[in-house]
């Protein structure tokens, strides 16, 4: 069994692709915004593969580099802020 077949088998078992399709459809938040949220989330959790994949999807959806850059900046701000918590916790000791 090759790698893609193994990935497909795992996906069938856990239903990731189906869940992703459902979540990323238009709902209370439109698909376009969800694509930007996915880019920002990938940055916030530090997943390079997730970032590159979701950036590609965002570009294919017509989202501009400037919009992607702003989503990255927002995520970086959140990531930096969460790191600052350790400074504050250190002060409180």
Protein backbone atom coordinates (compact mmCIF):
# COMPACT_ATOMS: atom_id res chain seq x y z
CA UNK A 1 0.00 0.00 0.00
CA UNK A 2 1.47 3.36 -1.00
CA UNK A 3 1.35 6.52 1.11
CA UNK A 4 -1.70 7.99 -0.63
CA UNK A 5 -3.64 4.76 -0.17
CA UNK A 6 -2.74 4.75 3.52
CA UNK A 7 -3.84 8.39 3.86
CA UNK A 8 -7.10 7.61 2.06
CA UNK A 9 -7.75 4.63 4.35
CA UNK A 10 -7.18 6.73 7.46
CA UNK A 11 -9.43 9.44 6.04
CA UNK A 12 -12.22 6.91 5.46
CA UNK A 13 -11.88 5.72 9.05
CA UNK A 14 -12.01 9.15 10.69
CA UNK A 15 -14.02 11.10 8.10
CA UNK A 16 -11.71 14.15 8.04
CA UNK A 17 -12.42 15.13 4.41
CA UNK A 18 -16.17 14.88 4.93
CA UNK A 19 -16.00 16.91 8.13
CA UNK A 20 -13.78 19.53 6.47
CA UNK A 21 -16.16 19.86 3.52
CA UNK A 22 -19.12 20.40 5.83
CA UNK A 23 -17.34 22.89 8.09
CA UNK A 24 -15.92 24.94 5.20
CA UNK A 25 -19.30 25.44 3.45
CA UNK A 26 -21.09 28.77 3.67
CA UNK A 27 -22.92 29.08 6.96
CA UNK A 28 -23.04 31.81 9.58
CA UNK A 29 -19.55 32.62 8.25
CA UNK A 30 -18.99 32.63 4.49
CA UNK A 31 -16.44 30.29 2.85
CA UNK A 32 -14.12 33.13 1.94
CA UNK A 33 -13.81 34.27 5.56
CA UNK A 34 -13.36 30.67 6.68
CA UNK A 35 -10.39 30.35 4.31
CA UNK A 36 -8.77 33.40 5.93
CA UNK A 37 -9.52 31.94 9.37
CA UNK A 38 -7.82 28.72 8.30
CA UNK A 39 -4.70 30.63 7.20
CA UNK A 40 -4.63 32.57 10.47
CA UNK A 41 -5.21 29.43 12.55
CA UNK A 42 -2.34 27.64 10.81
CA UNK A 43 -0.04 30.54 11.70
CA UNK A 44 -1.31 30.68 15.28
CA UNK A 45 -0.62 26.98 15.87
CA UNK A 46 2.65 27.05 13.91
CA UNK A 47 1.78 24.38 11.33
CA UNK A 48 3.79 25.06 8.16
CA UNK A 49 2.02 22.38 6.12
CA UNK A 50 -1.40 23.71 7.20
CA UNK A 51 -0.32 27.25 6.35
CA UNK A 52 0.93 26.41 2.85
CA UNK A 53 -2.14 24.30 2.07
CA UNK A 54 -4.63 26.89 3.32
CA UNK A 55 -2.78 29.77 1.67
CA UNK A 56 -3.06 27.89 -1.64
CA UNK A 57 -6.81 27.39 -1.09
CA UNK A 58 -7.22 31.07 -0.20
CA UNK A 59 -5.38 32.20 -3.33
CA UNK A 60 -7.50 29.85 -5.47
CA UNK A 61 -10.60 31.47 -3.93
CA UNK A 62 -9.42 34.89 -5.10
CA UNK A 63 -8.22 36.15 -1.74
CA UNK A 64 -5.52 38.78 -2.23
CA UNK A 65 -1.98 38.69 -0.86
CA UNK A 66 -2.82 41.78 1.19
CA UNK A 67 -5.78 40.01 2.85
CA UNK A 68 -3.64 36.95 3.56
CA UNK A 69 -0.88 39.17 4.99
CA UNK A 70 -3.36 40.82 7.37
CA UNK A 71 -4.69 37.44 8.49
CA UNK A 72 -1.09 36.39 9.16
CA UNK A 73 -0.45 39.55 11.18
CA UNK A 74 -3.54 39.01 13.32
CA UNK A 75 -2.51 35.41 13.99
CA UNK A 76 1.06 36.45 14.76
CA UNK A 77 -0.26 39.00 17.23
CA UNK A 78 -2.30 36.33 19.01
CA UNK A 79 0.65 33.95 19.02
CA UNK A 80 2.95 36.64 20.40
CA UNK A 81 0.40 37.63 23.03
CA UNK A 82 0.09 34.07 24.22
CA UNK A 83 3.87 33.94 24.62
CA UNK A 84 3.81 37.11 26.70
CA UNK A 85 1.63 35.27 29.22
CA UNK A 86 4.77 33.48 30.36
CA UNK A 87 6.47 36.80 31.11
CA UNK A 88 3.51 37.92 33.20
CA UNK A 89 3.32 34.56 34.99
CA UNK A 90 7.03 34.86 35.76
CA UNK A 91 6.47 38.33 37.30
CA UNK A 92 3.65 37.00 39.50
CA UNK A 93 5.83 34.27 41.07
